[in-house]
Structure formats: structure tokens, C-alpha cells
């Protein structure tokens, strides 16, 4: 199927043994956090046994990958923690999950020290929301370890930029950075960074909506797309739901549009419900 006049041909990627991309079912990434400061308390699992149970439930519900966060990356929250603390959180959580779950584990971090600890503990993917901008050592680490990476778009666009053009430019720069570091394309997935583009002439929630609505234009970058809209603040702004716990329905609606527009992976807190929405959207897309 062609989107927006572009060729439907797109290269696939392999994330920790999971192949994603054109012609394959949309893969679901389950979100697990061990950071008490995360914006959605329902995703936080501080007890190791509770974390493992939540992971097993996600896998049983259809998650192909588990993404573990050791600090909140929400751009509107004062949630900074030290590299050492983030590294300890990730190492403990991923050490608990790796080898016990039937799917690969990803480390949601943009800093090299926590990423190294996560990889040592058994992570097979790095999810860098800064697209290798946040830490100058991250690209070399990913290349040296031969791991897969999800590159996010978090840089603020210029004042006059159209949202999808800004995201495309930022992701193209990150993809170039990965290539220059020696990371092969087949280990790279791109993420438009819903929730991270906060500066510009458009209201931030309209920017997020515009990117999802025109996601198909990012296919020109030639990499599979991962989209995370789960319970994010733009859904609260559009629906009037201030609490993340009340944003499931809006999340599923945005997810469905993202799939129809070409997403290859969906990152979510709610695997079972999202799986149903994804499968219906895939059928309509086909």
C-alpha cells in the first residue's frame, strides 16, 4: 500500500531478534517503569516480583518487546535523577526480566552510563528519546555493542516550521548520526517523539496531532516507525482528561490513526487493549 504518493517499499529492522517493518504485523512494545516520578503511576512497578508479573502479563497479552524506564523523560516534569541512580534502577529491573521473559528487553535511556549498565544486565535494545543527541558517548556505545536502537525526535523546531517537516528533519539528522557511528540501518527504528516538540507557533497538542495525522510522510526516511501516544498529555488536552488514568480511550483512537498512517511499532502502557485496536486498524489499512 502506498501512503501520500510514496512508495510502499520500506526496509525492515531487527530489534533484539524481533523483525519489524513493511509487510509484517505491527509489533507492540509494553512500557514498564521503575521510576516513581513517571507521569503515569499505573506504569510504575517498584517491587521486583510485581515488575516480573506485570511483564509476564504484557507478554501474554501480545507484547513483542518490553521497554523499561529508570527515569521519567517527560519534557514538562522536573524529574532528573543522577546517572548512577538511573543505572542502578535499570540494571536491577532488566536483570530481573532478561532471561525470564520470552521477549527482548529495551532500555529507555538517553545516557550512556545507564545504557551500558542496562546492556550488561541483558537489554538488547536502547530507546533513546533524544535520537543520540543527549549524550555524545551513546552512538559509539550502541555501535560497539551491536545493539538495536530506537531514535526519538525531541529537538524543538524553528519558530516557523511545520511540525511534520521539523520531525522529519530531526530524525534525518539522527539517522545520519547513527550511520556515521557505524550503526547499520537494519538495527534502527525511528520515533517521531510525540510529546517532545513543545516550542513553536502551534499549540503543543496540535503539533502532536499534526504529526500523527501525517505520519505517512516520515516513510520517506526509509526506516520503520515506532509511535508512542499512550496516555500522553496531548490526549488530555484534546479530551479534557487531566488524569493519565482516564486517557485510555483517547490513546486507542490515536494509536489506530498511527497504524493506518504507517506505524510499524506501537509503544503502550496497555498491551491487551492496544493489541485489539492495532489489529482492527491493520485490517482497515490493508
C-alpha atoms as a PDB file:
ATOM      1  CA  UNK A   1       0.000   0.000   0.000  1.00  0.00           C
ATOM      2  CA  UNK A   2       1.266   3.480  -0.825  1.00  0.00           C
ATOM      3  CA  UNK A   3       0.932   6.410   1.566  1.00  0.00           C
ATOM      4  CA  UNK A   4       0.753  10.003   0.397  1.00  0.00           C
ATOM      5  CA  UNK A   5       2.044   9.111  -3.059  1.00  0.00           C
ATOM      6  CA  UNK A   6       5.201   7.494  -1.706  1.00  0.00           C
ATOM      7  CA  UNK A   7       6.406   4.006  -2.459  1.00  0.00           C
ATOM      8  CA  UNK A   8       5.227   1.374  -0.004  1.00  0.00           C
ATOM      9  CA  UNK A   9       8.698  -0.155  -0.029  1.00  0.00           C
ATOM     10  CA  UNK A  10      10.453   0.309   3.300  1.00  0.00           C
ATOM     11  CA  UNK A  11      13.356  -1.531   4.826  1.00  0.00           C
ATOM     12  CA  UNK A  12      12.816  -3.707   7.847  1.00  0.00           C
ATOM     13  CA  UNK A  13      14.686  -3.579  11.129  1.00  0.00           C
ATOM     14  CA  UNK A  14      15.611  -6.181  13.710  1.00  0.00           C
ATOM     15  CA  UNK A  15      15.178  -5.166  17.342  1.00  0.00           C
ATOM     16  CA  UNK A  16      16.652  -7.749  19.661  1.00  0.00           C
ATOM     17  CA  UNK A  17      15.602 -10.566  17.348  1.00  0.00           C
ATOM     18  CA  UNK A  18      12.171  -9.097  16.545  1.00  0.00           C
ATOM     19  CA  UNK A  19      11.840  -8.163  12.868  1.00  0.00           C
ATOM     20  CA  UNK A  20       9.573  -5.198  12.175  1.00  0.00           C
ATOM     21  CA  UNK A  21       8.637  -3.137   9.158  1.00  0.00           C
ATOM     22  CA  UNK A  22       6.881  -3.319   5.860  1.00  0.00           C
ATOM     23  CA  UNK A  23       4.636  -6.306   5.259  1.00  0.00           C
ATOM     24  CA  UNK A  24       4.788  -7.503   8.865  1.00  0.00           C
ATOM     25  CA  UNK A  25       2.212  -7.224  11.664  1.00  0.00           C
ATOM     26  CA  UNK A  26       2.539  -4.122  13.806  1.00  0.00           C
ATOM     27  CA  UNK A  27       4.599  -5.011  16.876  1.00  0.00           C
ATOM     28  CA  UNK A  28       3.610  -3.871  20.356  1.00  0.00           C
ATOM     29  CA  UNK A  29       6.094  -2.607  22.932  1.00  0.00           C
ATOM     30  CA  UNK A  30       4.971  -2.808  26.546  1.00  0.00           C
ATOM     31  CA  UNK A  31       6.051   0.064  28.830  1.00  0.00           C
ATOM     32  CA  UNK A  32       7.369  -0.732  32.298  1.00  0.00           C
ATOM     33  CA  UNK A  33       8.821   1.901  34.628  1.00  0.00           C
ATOM     34  CA  UNK A  34      10.834   1.661  37.813  1.00  0.00           C
ATOM     35  CA  UNK A  35      10.911   5.431  38.191  1.00  0.00           C
ATOM     36  CA  UNK A  36       8.470   6.705  40.845  1.00  0.00           C
ATOM     37  CA  UNK A  37       8.482  10.125  39.156  1.00  0.00           C
ATOM     38  CA  UNK A  38       6.963   8.810  35.888  1.00  0.00           C
ATOM     39  CA  UNK A  39       3.851  10.672  34.736  1.00  0.00           C
ATOM     40  CA  UNK A  40       1.563   7.624  34.813  1.00  0.00           C
ATOM     41  CA  UNK A  41       1.610   5.805  38.129  1.00  0.00           C
ATOM     42  CA  UNK A  42      -0.007   2.724  36.630  1.00  0.00           C
ATOM     43  CA  UNK A  43       3.216   2.004  34.741  1.00  0.00           C
ATOM     44  CA  UNK A  44       5.472   2.072  37.809  1.00  0.00           C
ATOM     45  CA  UNK A  45       6.496  -1.249  39.388  1.00  0.00           C
ATOM     46  CA  UNK A  46       8.958  -0.761  42.221  1.00  0.00           C
ATOM     47  CA  UNK A  47       8.706  -4.270  43.658  1.00  0.00           C
ATOM     48  CA  UNK A  48      10.803  -6.799  41.655  1.00  0.00           C
ATOM     49  CA  UNK A  49       8.193  -9.531  41.836  1.00  0.00           C
ATOM     50  CA  UNK A  50       5.425  -7.138  40.818  1.00  0.00           C
ATOM     51  CA  UNK A  51       7.586  -5.999  37.894  1.00  0.00           C
ATOM     52  CA  UNK A  52       8.028  -9.574  36.694  1.00  0.00           C
ATOM     53  CA  UNK A  53       4.300 -10.278  36.991  1.00  0.00           C
ATOM     54  CA  UNK A  54       3.472  -7.145  35.017  1.00  0.00           C
ATOM     55  CA  UNK A  55       5.997  -8.136  32.356  1.00  0.00           C
ATOM     56  CA  UNK A  56       4.586 -11.656  32.082  1.00  0.00           C
ATOM     57  CA  UNK A  57       1.070 -10.234  31.750  1.00  0.00           C
ATOM     58  CA  UNK A  58       2.187  -7.941  28.935  1.00  0.00           C
ATOM     59  CA  UNK A  59       3.871 -10.760  27.049  1.00  0.00           C
ATOM     60  CA  UNK A  60       0.780 -12.947  27.456  1.00  0.00           C
ATOM     61  CA  UNK A  61      -1.326 -10.073  26.095  1.00  0.00           C
ATOM     62  CA  UNK A  62       0.804  -9.731  22.966  1.00  0.00           C
ATOM     63  CA  UNK A  63       3.848  -7.554  23.692  1.00  0.00           C
ATOM     64  CA  UNK A  64       6.749  -8.385  21.373  1.00  0.00           C
ATOM     65  CA  UNK A  65       9.212  -6.178  23.285  1.00  0.00           C
ATOM     66  CA  UNK A  66       9.332  -4.754  26.819  1.00  0.00           C
ATOM     67  CA  UNK A  67      10.692  -1.221  27.321  1.00  0.00           C
ATOM     68  CA  UNK A  68      11.977  -0.418  30.804  1.00  0.00           C
ATOM     69  CA  UNK A  69      12.500   3.145  32.024  1.00  0.00           C
ATOM     70  CA  UNK A  70      14.638   4.153  35.005  1.00  0.00           C
ATOM     71  CA  UNK A  71      13.780   7.877  34.945  1.00  0.00           C
ATOM     72  CA  UNK A  72      11.000   9.959  33.503  1.00  0.00           C
ATOM     73  CA  UNK A  73      11.796  11.663  30.205  1.00  0.00           C
ATOM     74  CA  UNK A  74       8.609  13.767  30.103  1.00  0.00           C
ATOM     75  CA  UNK A  75       9.802  17.226  28.993  1.00  0.00           C
ATOM     76  CA  UNK A  76       7.318  19.078  31.197  1.00  0.00           C
ATOM     77  CA  UNK A  77       8.233  17.381  34.517  1.00  0.00           C
ATOM     78  CA  UNK A  78      11.184  18.166  36.861  1.00  0.00           C
ATOM     79  CA  UNK A  79      12.238  14.539  37.163  1.00  0.00           C
ATOM     80  CA  UNK A  80      16.010  14.469  36.807  1.00  0.00           C
ATOM     81  CA  UNK A  81      17.937  11.761  38.650  1.00  0.00           C
ATOM     82  CA  UNK A  82      21.656  11.049  38.654  1.00  0.00           C
ATOM     83  CA  UNK A  83      23.227   8.758  36.085  1.00  0.00           C
ATOM     84  CA  UNK A  84      24.240   6.390  38.870  1.00  0.00           C
ATOM     85  CA  UNK A  85      20.716   6.107  40.231  1.00  0.00           C
ATOM     86  CA  UNK A  86      19.235   5.593  36.788  1.00  0.00           C
ATOM     87  CA  UNK A  87      21.882   2.954  36.033  1.00  0.00           C
ATOM     88  CA  UNK A  88      21.139   1.105  39.272  1.00  0.00           C
ATOM     89  CA  UNK A  89      17.396   1.150  38.610  1.00  0.00           C
ATOM     90  CA  UNK A  90      17.775  -0.140  35.058  1.00  0.00           C
ATOM     91  CA  UNK A  91      20.331  -2.803  35.913  1.00  0.00           C
ATOM     92  CA  UNK A  92      18.199  -4.201  38.722  1.00  0.00           C
ATOM     93  CA  UNK A  93      14.966  -4.191  36.706  1.00  0.00           C
ATOM     94  CA  UNK A  94      16.415  -5.560  33.482  1.00  0.00           C
ATOM     95  CA  UNK A  95      18.436  -8.147  35.378  1.00  0.00           C
ATOM     96  CA  UNK A  96      15.145  -9.315  36.859  1.00  0.00           C
ATOM     97  CA  UNK A  97      13.442  -9.570  33.464  1.00  0.00           C
ATOM     98  CA  UNK A  98      16.123 -10.630  30.978  1.00  0.00           C
ATOM     99  CA  UNK A  99      16.159 -14.364  30.520  1.00  0.00           C
ATOM    100  CA  UNK A 100      12.882 -14.779  32.416  1.00  0.00           C
ATOM    101  CA  UNK A 101      10.612 -13.184  29.824  1.00  0.00           C
ATOM    102  CA  UNK A 102      10.058 -14.643  26.385  1.00  0.00           C
ATOM    103  CA  UNK A 103      10.692 -11.337  24.579  1.00  0.00           C
ATOM    104  CA  UNK A 104      13.659  -8.945  24.328  1.00  0.00           C
ATOM    105  CA  UNK A 105      14.009  -6.069  26.775  1.00  0.00           C
ATOM    106  CA  UNK A 106      14.728  -2.465  25.782  1.00  0.00           C
ATOM    107  CA  UNK A 107      16.297   0.212  27.972  1.00  0.00           C
ATOM    108  CA  UNK A 108      14.567   3.594  27.768  1.00  0.00           C
ATOM    109  CA  UNK A 109      17.501   5.944  28.359  1.00  0.00           C
ATOM    110  CA  UNK A 110      19.451   8.637  26.524  1.00  0.00           C
ATOM    111  CA  UNK A 111      22.556   8.465  28.740  1.00  0.00           C
ATOM    112  CA  UNK A 112      25.474   6.159  28.048  1.00  0.00           C
ATOM    113  CA  UNK A 113      26.258   5.153  31.638  1.00  0.00           C
ATOM    114  CA  UNK A 114      22.741   3.816  32.369  1.00  0.00           C
ATOM    115  CA  UNK A 115      22.601   2.291  28.874  1.00  0.00           C
ATOM    116  CA  UNK A 116      25.837   0.398  29.490  1.00  0.00           C
ATOM    117  CA  UNK A 117      24.513  -0.920  32.795  1.00  0.00           C
ATOM    118  CA  UNK A 118      21.265  -1.980  31.110  1.00  0.00           C
ATOM    119  CA  UNK A 119      23.087  -3.774  28.299  1.00  0.00           C
ATOM    120  CA  UNK A 120      25.327  -5.532  30.809  1.00  0.00           C
ATOM    121  CA  UNK A 121      22.175  -6.678  32.611  1.00  0.00           C
ATOM    122  CA  UNK A 122      20.683  -8.160  29.451  1.00  0.00           C
ATOM    123  CA  UNK A 123      18.958  -5.381  27.492  1.00  0.00           C
ATOM    124  CA  UNK A 124      19.090  -5.871  23.722  1.00  0.00           C
ATOM    125  CA  UNK A 125      17.682  -2.529  22.547  1.00  0.00           C
ATOM    126  CA  UNK A 126      18.284   1.098  23.510  1.00  0.00           C
ATOM    127  CA  UNK A 127      15.355   3.512  23.232  1.00  0.00           C
ATOM    128  CA  UNK A 128      16.965   6.967  23.046  1.00  0.00           C
ATOM    129  CA  UNK A 129      14.328   9.709  23.030  1.00  0.00           C
ATOM    130  CA  UNK A 130      16.967  12.280  22.053  1.00  0.00           C
ATOM    131  CA  UNK A 131      17.977  10.481  18.861  1.00  0.00           C
ATOM    132  CA  UNK A 132      21.636  10.180  20.011  1.00  0.00           C
ATOM    133  CA  UNK A 133      21.777  13.906  20.865  1.00  0.00           C
ATOM    134  CA  UNK A 134      21.563  13.647  24.634  1.00  0.00           C
ATOM    135  CA  UNK A 135      24.942  12.014  25.296  1.00  0.00           C
ATOM    136  CA  UNK A 136      27.925  12.187  22.915  1.00  0.00           C
ATOM    137  CA  UNK A 137      29.019   8.695  24.000  1.00  0.00           C
ATOM    138  CA  UNK A 138      25.748   6.931  23.229  1.00  0.00           C
ATOM    139  CA  UNK A 139      26.224   6.378  19.486  1.00  0.00           C
ATOM    140  CA  UNK A 140      29.635   4.787  19.959  1.00  0.00           C
ATOM    141  CA  UNK A 141      28.273   2.551  22.725  1.00  0.00           C
ATOM    142  CA  UNK A 142      25.370   1.312  20.592  1.00  0.00           C
ATOM    143  CA  UNK A 143      27.686   0.681  17.650  1.00  0.00           C
ATOM    144  CA  UNK A 144      30.273  -1.152  19.752  1.00  0.00           C
ATOM    145  CA  UNK A 145      27.729  -3.382  21.442  1.00  0.00           C
ATOM    146  CA  UNK A 146      25.930  -4.220  18.197  1.00  0.00           C
ATOM    147  CA  UNK A 147      22.596  -3.407  19.785  1.00  0.00           C
ATOM    148  CA  UNK A 148      19.470  -2.081  18.102  1.00  0.00           C
ATOM    149  CA  UNK A 149      18.271   1.452  18.740  1.00  0.00           C
ATOM    150  CA  UNK A 150      15.046   3.442  18.589  1.00  0.00           C
ATOM    151  CA  UNK A 151      15.850   7.054  17.729  1.00  0.00           C
ATOM    152  CA  UNK A 152      13.414   9.672  19.004  1.00  0.00           C
ATOM    153  CA  UNK A 153      12.807  13.242  17.836  1.00  0.00           C
ATOM    154  CA  UNK A 154      12.973  15.585  20.797  1.00  0.00           C
ATOM    155  CA  UNK A 155      14.636  18.730  19.450  1.00  0.00           C
ATOM    156  CA  UNK A 156      12.476  21.839  19.327  1.00  0.00           C
ATOM    157  CA  UNK A 157      11.820  23.005  15.758  1.00  0.00           C
ATOM    158  CA  UNK A 158      12.344  26.500  14.397  1.00  0.00           C
ATOM    159  CA  UNK A 159       9.629  29.043  15.017  1.00  0.00           C
ATOM    160  CA  UNK A 160       8.116  28.791  11.545  1.00  0.00           C
ATOM    161  CA  UNK A 161       8.473  25.073  10.972  1.00  0.00           C
ATOM    162  CA  UNK A 162       5.626  22.833  10.001  1.00  0.00           C
ATOM    163  CA  UNK A 163       5.508  20.038  12.639  1.00  0.00           C
ATOM    164  CA  UNK A 164       5.977  17.079  10.300  1.00  0.00           C
ATOM    165  CA  UNK A 165       8.774  18.849   8.409  1.00  0.00           C
ATOM    166  CA  UNK A 166      10.519  19.588  11.695  1.00  0.00           C
ATOM    167  CA  UNK A 167      10.235  15.988  12.867  1.00  0.00           C
ATOM    168  CA  UNK A 168      11.453  14.699   9.517  1.00  0.00           C
ATOM    169  CA  UNK A 169      14.500  16.950   9.639  1.00  0.00           C
ATOM    170  CA  UNK A 170      15.361  15.996  13.219  1.00  0.00           C
ATOM    171  CA  UNK A 171      15.011  12.274  12.525  1.00  0.00           C
ATOM    172  CA  UNK A 172      17.084  12.519   9.349  1.00  0.00           C
ATOM    173  CA  UNK A 173      19.864  14.131  11.391  1.00  0.00           C
ATOM    174  CA  UNK A 174      19.690  11.358  13.992  1.00  0.00           C
ATOM    175  CA  UNK A 175      19.743   8.679  11.308  1.00  0.00           C
ATOM    176  CA  UNK A 176      22.827  10.309   9.800  1.00  0.00           C
ATOM    177  CA  UNK A 177      24.463  10.400  13.226  1.00  0.00           C
ATOM    178  CA  UNK A 178      23.786   6.674  13.665  1.00  0.00           C
ATOM    179  CA  UNK A 179      25.230   5.852  10.248  1.00  0.00           C
ATOM    180  CA  UNK A 180      28.366   7.900  10.899  1.00  0.00           C
ATOM    181  CA  UNK A 181      28.864   5.979  14.155  1.00  0.00           C
ATOM    182  CA  UNK A 182      28.701   2.686  12.264  1.00  0.00           C
ATOM    183  CA  UNK A 183      25.209   1.600  13.347  1.00  0.00           C
ATOM    184  CA  UNK A 184      23.657  -0.275  10.397  1.00  0.00           C
ATOM    185  CA  UNK A 185      20.228   0.789   9.180  1.00  0.00           C
ATOM    186  CA  UNK A 186      18.773  -2.647   9.857  1.00  0.00           C
ATOM    187  CA  UNK A 187      19.227  -2.015  13.584  1.00  0.00           C
ATOM    188  CA  UNK A 188      17.494   1.400  13.545  1.00  0.00           C
ATOM    189  CA  UNK A 189      13.848   2.370  14.093  1.00  0.00           C
ATOM    190  CA  UNK A 190      12.625   5.983  14.177  1.00  0.00           C
ATOM    191  CA  UNK A 191      10.170   7.541  16.644  1.00  0.00           C
ATOM    192  CA  UNK A 192       8.501  10.927  15.889  1.00  0.00           C
ATOM    193  CA  UNK A 193       8.690  11.888  19.566  1.00  0.00           C
ATOM    194  CA  UNK A 194       5.058  12.577  20.352  1.00  0.00           C
ATOM    195  CA  UNK A 195       5.009  14.806  23.428  1.00  0.00           C
ATOM    196  CA  UNK A 196       8.526  16.196  22.991  1.00  0.00           C
ATOM    197  CA  UNK A 197       8.041  19.008  20.438  1.00  0.00           C
ATOM    198  CA  UNK A 198       6.967  21.784  22.771  1.00  0.00           C
ATOM    199  CA  UNK A 199       8.246  25.015  21.186  1.00  0.00           C
ATOM    200  CA  UNK A 200       6.854  26.699  18.084  1.00  0.00           C
ATOM    201  CA  UNK A 201       3.957  28.782  16.789  1.00  0.00           C
ATOM    202  CA  UNK A 202       1.434  25.935  17.112  1.00  0.00           C
ATOM    203  CA  UNK A 203      -0.040  24.818  20.458  1.00  0.00           C
ATOM    204  CA  UNK A 204       1.980  21.777  21.521  1.00  0.00           C
ATOM    205  CA  UNK A 205      -1.009  19.418  21.475  1.00  0.00           C
ATOM    206  CA  UNK A 206      -1.850  20.496  17.926  1.00  0.00           C
ATOM    207  CA  UNK A 207       1.748  19.760  16.925  1.00  0.00           C
ATOM    208  CA  UNK A 208       1.410  16.196  18.224  1.00  0.00           C
ATOM    209  CA  UNK A 209      -1.911  15.702  16.458  1.00  0.00           C
ATOM    210  CA  UNK A 210      -0.490  17.060  13.198  1.00  0.00           C
ATOM    211  CA  UNK A 211       2.462  14.675  13.305  1.00  0.00           C
ATOM    212  CA  UNK A 212       0.234  11.642  13.848  1.00  0.00           C
ATOM    213  CA  UNK A 213      -2.160  12.719  11.114  1.00  0.00           C
ATOM    214  CA  UNK A 214       0.698  12.995   8.597  1.00  0.00           C
ATOM    215  CA  UNK A 215       2.899  10.194   9.890  1.00  0.00           C
ATOM    216  CA  UNK A 216       2.998   8.620   6.422  1.00  0.00           C
ATOM    217  CA  UNK A 217       5.309  11.426   5.252  1.00  0.00           C
ATOM    218  CA  UNK A 218       8.061  10.061   7.506  1.00  0.00           C
ATOM    219  CA  UNK A 219       8.172   6.886   5.426  1.00  0.00           C
ATOM    220  CA  UNK A 220      10.463   8.803   3.059  1.00  0.00           C
ATOM    221  CA  UNK A 221      13.214   8.297   5.680  1.00  0.00           C
ATOM    222  CA  UNK A 222      13.194   4.598   4.845  1.00  0.00           C
ATOM    223  CA  UNK A 223      13.074   3.183   8.373  1.00  0.00           C
ATOM    224  CA  UNK A 224      10.237   1.547  10.340  1.00  0.00           C
ATOM    225  CA  UNK A 225       8.357   3.923  12.615  1.00  0.00           C
ATOM    226  CA  UNK A 226       7.653   3.432  16.323  1.00  0.00           C
ATOM    227  CA  UNK A 227       4.885   5.577  17.809  1.00  0.00           C
ATOM    228  CA  UNK A 228       4.102   6.101  21.483  1.00  0.00           C
ATOM    229  CA  UNK A 229       0.920   8.005  22.296  1.00  0.00           C
ATOM    230  CA  UNK A 230      -0.136   6.045  25.353  1.00  0.00           C
ATOM    231  CA  UNK A 231      -1.901   8.295  27.913  1.00  0.00           C
ATOM    232  CA  UNK A 232       0.194  11.308  26.861  1.00  0.00           C
ATOM    233  CA  UNK A 233      -0.647  14.903  27.707  1.00  0.00           C
ATOM    234  CA  UNK A 234      -1.832  15.887  24.211  1.00  0.00           C
ATOM    235  CA  UNK A 235      -4.659  13.359  24.630  1.00  0.00           C
ATOM    236  CA  UNK A 236      -5.555  15.014  27.911  1.00  0.00           C
ATOM    237  CA  UNK A 237      -5.573  18.420  26.221  1.00  0.00           C
ATOM    238  CA  UNK A 238      -7.809  17.239  23.388  1.00  0.00           C
ATOM    239  CA  UNK A 239     -10.261  15.337  25.595  1.00  0.00           C
ATOM    240  CA  UNK A 240     -10.231  17.368  28.787  1.00  0.00           C
ATOM    241  CA  UNK A 241      -8.926  14.355  30.720  1.00  0.00           C
ATOM    242  CA  UNK A 242      -6.405  15.774  33.168  1.00  0.00           C
ATOM    243  CA  UNK A 243      -5.519  12.426  34.741  1.00  0.00           C
ATOM    244  CA  UNK A 244      -3.439   9.946  32.696  1.00  0.00           C
ATOM    245  CA  UNK A 245      -5.543   7.142  34.191  1.00  0.00           C
ATOM    246  CA  UNK A 246      -8.546   8.493  32.227  1.00  0.00           C
ATOM    247  CA  UNK A 247      -6.872   8.631  28.802  1.00  0.00           C
ATOM    248  CA  UNK A 248      -7.138   5.046  27.558  1.00  0.00           C
ATOM    249  CA  UNK A 249      -9.907   5.654  25.027  1.00  0.00           C
ATOM    250  CA  UNK A 250      -8.101   8.641  23.531  1.00  0.00           C
ATOM    251  CA  UNK A 251      -4.869   6.643  23.410  1.00  0.00           C
ATOM    252  CA  UNK A 252      -6.547   3.864  21.429  1.00  0.00           C
ATOM    253  CA  UNK A 253      -8.025   6.362  18.969  1.00  0.00           C
ATOM    254  CA  UNK A 254      -4.636   7.981  18.327  1.00  0.00           C
ATOM    255  CA  UNK A 255      -2.993   4.565  18.080  1.00  0.00           C
ATOM    256  CA  UNK A 256      -5.441   3.472  15.398  1.00  0.00           C
ATOM    257  CA  UNK A 257      -4.680   6.542  13.282  1.00  0.00           C
ATOM    258  CA  UNK A 258      -0.938   5.981  13.710  1.00  0.00           C
ATOM    259  CA  UNK A 259      -1.279   2.404  12.471  1.00  0.00           C
ATOM    260  CA  UNK A 260      -3.370   3.440   9.472  1.00  0.00           C
ATOM    261  CA  UNK A 261      -0.711   6.068   8.690  1.00  0.00           C
ATOM    262  CA  UNK A 262       2.091   3.504   8.667  1.00  0.00           C
ATOM    263  CA  UNK A 263       3.419   2.839  12.185  1.00  0.00           C
ATOM    264  CA  UNK A 264       5.329  -0.446  12.425  1.00  0.00           C
ATOM    265  CA  UNK A 265       5.546  -0.483  16.225  1.00  0.00           C
ATOM    266  CA  UNK A 266       3.278   0.891  18.947  1.00  0.00           C
ATOM    267  CA  UNK A 267       4.624   1.621  22.423  1.00  0.00           C
ATOM    268  CA  UNK A 268       1.938   1.389  25.116  1.00  0.00           C
ATOM    269  CA  UNK A 269       1.127   1.014  28.793  1.00  0.00           C
ATOM    270  CA  UNK A 270      -1.981  -1.034  27.937  1.00  0.00           C
ATOM    271  CA  UNK A 271      -0.952  -4.002  25.838  1.00  0.00           C
ATOM    272  CA  UNK A 272      -4.175  -6.024  25.730  1.00  0.00           C
ATOM    273  CA  UNK A 273      -6.434  -3.125  24.765  1.00  0.00           C
ATOM    274  CA  UNK A 274      -3.890  -1.708  22.329  1.00  0.00           C
ATOM    275  CA  UNK A 275      -3.424  -5.064  20.627  1.00  0.00           C
ATOM    276  CA  UNK A 276      -7.134  -5.145  19.745  1.00  0.00           C
ATOM    277  CA  UNK A 277      -7.064  -1.577  18.411  1.00  0.00           C
ATOM    278  CA  UNK A 278      -3.932  -2.306  16.378  1.00  0.00           C
ATOM    279  CA  UNK A 279      -5.331  -5.450  14.773  1.00  0.00           C
ATOM    280  CA  UNK A 280      -8.546  -3.680  13.707  1.00  0.00           C
ATOM    281  CA  UNK A 281      -6.575  -0.696  12.361  1.00  0.00           C
ATOM    282  CA  UNK A 282      -4.286  -3.059  10.447  1.00  0.00           C
ATOM    283  CA  UNK A 283      -7.284  -4.722   8.834  1.00  0.00           C
ATOM    284  CA  UNK A 284      -8.654  -1.334   7.752  1.00  0.00           C
ATOM    285  CA  UNK A 285      -5.244  -0.220   6.493  1.00  0.00           C
ATOM    286  CA  UNK A 286      -4.921  -3.359   4.382  1.00  0.00           C
END
